[in-house]
Protein backbone atom coordinates (compact mmCIF):
# COMPACT_ATOMS: atom_id res chain seq x y z
CA UNK A 1 0.00 0.00 0.00
CA UNK A 2 1.37 3.42 -0.93
CA UNK A 3 1.67 6.28 1.50
CA UNK A 4 -0.57 9.18 0.46
CA UNK A 5 -1.00 12.54 2.20
CA UNK A 6 -3.47 15.33 1.59
CA UNK A 7 -1.57 18.60 1.50
CA UNK A 8 -3.33 21.75 2.67
CA UNK A 9 -1.68 25.16 2.60
CA UNK A 10 -3.27 27.95 4.66
CA UNK A 11 -6.65 26.13 4.70
CA UNK A 12 -6.53 25.58 0.92
CA UNK A 13 -6.26 22.06 -0.51
CA UNK A 14 -3.13 22.00 -2.66
CA UNK A 15 -3.15 18.35 -3.69
CA UNK A 16 -1.83 14.93 -2.80
CA UNK A 17 1.64 13.72 -1.95
CA UNK A 18 2.26 10.08 -2.85
CA UNK A 19 5.36 8.22 -1.68
CA UNK A 20 7.36 7.45 -4.80
CA UNK A 21 10.86 6.25 -5.62
CA UNK A 22 13.19 8.90 -4.31
CA UNK A 23 10.61 11.01 -2.49
CA UNK A 24 7.02 12.19 -2.62
CA UNK A 25 5.27 12.95 -5.92
CA UNK A 26 2.84 15.87 -5.86
CA UNK A 27 -0.53 15.78 -7.64
CA UNK A 28 -2.19 19.18 -7.84
CA UNK A 29 -5.83 19.61 -6.96
CA UNK A 30 -6.23 23.12 -8.33
CA UNK A 31 -4.88 25.57 -10.88
CA UNK A 32 -3.00 27.54 -8.23
CA UNK A 33 -0.63 24.61 -7.75
CA UNK A 34 -0.57 23.07 -11.24
CA UNK A 35 2.98 24.21 -11.97
CA UNK A 36 4.17 21.69 -9.33
CA UNK A 37 2.03 18.78 -10.60
CA UNK A 38 4.24 15.71 -10.94
CA UNK A 39 7.15 17.27 -9.04
CA UNK A 40 9.00 14.93 -6.67
CA UNK A 41 9.90 16.39 -3.29
CA UNK A 42 12.41 14.73 -0.98
CA UNK A 43 10.23 15.18 2.11
CA UNK A 44 6.67 16.33 2.84
CA UNK A 45 8.04 19.36 4.69
CA UNK A 46 9.90 20.45 1.54
CA UNK A 47 6.63 20.27 -0.41
CA UNK A 48 4.77 22.22 2.27
CA UNK A 49 7.40 24.96 2.43
CA UNK A 50 7.68 25.28 -1.36
CA UNK A 51 3.94 25.40 -1.93
CA UNK A 52 3.34 27.82 0.95
CA UNK A 53 5.94 30.22 -0.47
CA UNK A 54 4.38 29.90 -3.92
CA UNK A 55 0.89 30.62 -2.58
CA UNK A 56 2.10 33.70 -0.70
CA UNK A 57 3.82 35.06 -3.83
CA UNK A 58 0.69 34.34 -5.86
CA UNK A 59 -1.57 36.12 -3.36
CA UNK A 60 0.76 39.13 -3.20
CA UNK A 61 0.85 39.41 -7.00
CA UNK A 62 -2.94 39.08 -7.18
CA UNK A 63 -3.45 41.85 -4.64
CA UNK A 64 -1.08 44.16 -6.54
CA UNK A 65 -2.92 43.53 -9.80
CA UNK A 66 -6.31 44.35 -8.28
C-alpha atoms as a PDB file:
ATOM      1  CA  UNK A   1       0.000   0.000   0.000  1.00  0.00           C
ATOM      2  CA  UNK A   2       1.371   3.415  -0.929  1.00  0.00           C
ATOM      3  CA  UNK A   3       1.668   6.277   1.497  1.00  0.00           C
ATOM      4  CA  UNK A   4      -0.568   9.185   0.460  1.00  0.00           C
ATOM      5  CA  UNK A   5      -1.005  12.541   2.198  1.00  0.00           C
ATOM      6  CA  UNK A   6      -3.471  15.328   1.589  1.00  0.00           C
ATOM      7  CA  UNK A   7      -1.567  18.603   1.503  1.00  0.00           C
ATOM      8  CA  UNK A   8      -3.329  21.754   2.674  1.00  0.00           C
ATOM      9  CA  UNK A   9      -1.678  25.162   2.605  1.00  0.00           C
ATOM     10  CA  UNK A  10      -3.268  27.945   4.660  1.00  0.00           C
ATOM     11  CA  UNK A  11      -6.646  26.127   4.698  1.00  0.00           C
ATOM     12  CA  UNK A  12      -6.533  25.580   0.923  1.00  0.00           C
ATOM     13  CA  UNK A  13      -6.256  22.064  -0.508  1.00  0.00           C
ATOM     14  CA  UNK A  14      -3.128  21.998  -2.655  1.00  0.00           C
ATOM     15  CA  UNK A  15      -3.152  18.346  -3.689  1.00  0.00           C
ATOM     16  CA  UNK A  16      -1.827  14.933  -2.796  1.00  0.00           C
ATOM     17  CA  UNK A  17       1.644  13.717  -1.947  1.00  0.00           C
ATOM     18  CA  UNK A  18       2.256  10.081  -2.852  1.00  0.00           C
ATOM     19  CA  UNK A  19       5.359   8.219  -1.676  1.00  0.00           C
ATOM     20  CA  UNK A  20       7.364   7.451  -4.796  1.00  0.00           C
ATOM     21  CA  UNK A  21      10.860   6.248  -5.624  1.00  0.00           C
ATOM     22  CA  UNK A  22      13.190   8.897  -4.307  1.00  0.00           C
ATOM     23  CA  UNK A  23      10.614  11.006  -2.486  1.00  0.00           C
ATOM     24  CA  UNK A  24       7.017  12.192  -2.621  1.00  0.00           C
ATOM     25  CA  UNK A  25       5.272  12.954  -5.923  1.00  0.00           C
ATOM     26  CA  UNK A  26       2.837  15.867  -5.858  1.00  0.00           C
ATOM     27  CA  UNK A  27      -0.527  15.778  -7.644  1.00  0.00           C
ATOM     28  CA  UNK A  28      -2.188  19.177  -7.845  1.00  0.00           C
ATOM     29  CA  UNK A  29      -5.835  19.613  -6.959  1.00  0.00           C
ATOM     30  CA  UNK A  30      -6.229  23.119  -8.331  1.00  0.00           C
ATOM     31  CA  UNK A  31      -4.876  25.570 -10.877  1.00  0.00           C
ATOM     32  CA  UNK A  32      -3.001  27.542  -8.235  1.00  0.00           C
ATOM     33  CA  UNK A  33      -0.627  24.608  -7.747  1.00  0.00           C
ATOM     34  CA  UNK A  34      -0.572  23.068 -11.241  1.00  0.00           C
ATOM     35  CA  UNK A  35       2.978  24.209 -11.967  1.00  0.00           C
ATOM     36  CA  UNK A  36       4.165  21.688  -9.330  1.00  0.00           C
ATOM     37  CA  UNK A  37       2.033  18.779 -10.599  1.00  0.00           C
ATOM     38  CA  UNK A  38       4.242  15.706 -10.938  1.00  0.00           C
ATOM     39  CA  UNK A  39       7.152  17.272  -9.039  1.00  0.00           C
ATOM     40  CA  UNK A  40       9.004  14.930  -6.667  1.00  0.00           C
ATOM     41  CA  UNK A  41       9.902  16.394  -3.286  1.00  0.00           C
ATOM     42  CA  UNK A  42      12.407  14.728  -0.977  1.00  0.00           C
ATOM     43  CA  UNK A  43      10.231  15.181   2.113  1.00  0.00           C
ATOM     44  CA  UNK A  44       6.666  16.326   2.841  1.00  0.00           C
ATOM     45  CA  UNK A  45       8.043  19.358   4.689  1.00  0.00           C
ATOM     46  CA  UNK A  46       9.903  20.449   1.540  1.00  0.00           C
ATOM     47  CA  UNK A  47       6.633  20.275  -0.406  1.00  0.00           C
ATOM     48  CA  UNK A  48       4.770  22.224   2.269  1.00  0.00           C
ATOM     49  CA  UNK A  49       7.403  24.965   2.432  1.00  0.00           C
ATOM     50  CA  UNK A  50       7.685  25.284  -1.356  1.00  0.00           C
ATOM     51  CA  UNK A  51       3.940  25.399  -1.934  1.00  0.00           C
ATOM     52  CA  UNK A  52       3.344  27.820   0.945  1.00  0.00           C
ATOM     53  CA  UNK A  53       5.944  30.222  -0.467  1.00  0.00           C
ATOM     54  CA  UNK A  54       4.380  29.902  -3.925  1.00  0.00           C
ATOM     55  CA  UNK A  55       0.892  30.615  -2.579  1.00  0.00           C
ATOM     56  CA  UNK A  56       2.102  33.699  -0.697  1.00  0.00           C
ATOM     57  CA  UNK A  57       3.821  35.058  -3.830  1.00  0.00           C
ATOM     58  CA  UNK A  58       0.688  34.343  -5.863  1.00  0.00           C
ATOM     59  CA  UNK A  59      -1.570  36.116  -3.364  1.00  0.00           C
ATOM     60  CA  UNK A  60       0.757  39.128  -3.199  1.00  0.00           C
ATOM     61  CA  UNK A  61       0.850  39.406  -7.003  1.00  0.00           C
ATOM     62  CA  UNK A  62      -2.940  39.078  -7.183  1.00  0.00           C
ATOM     63  CA  UNK A  63      -3.445  41.854  -4.641  1.00  0.00           C
ATOM     64  CA  UNK A  64      -1.077  44.157  -6.538  1.00  0.00           C
ATOM     65  CA  UNK A  65      -2.915  43.533  -9.796  1.00  0.00           C
ATOM     66  CA  UNK A  66      -6.307  44.351  -8.281  1.00  0.00           C
END
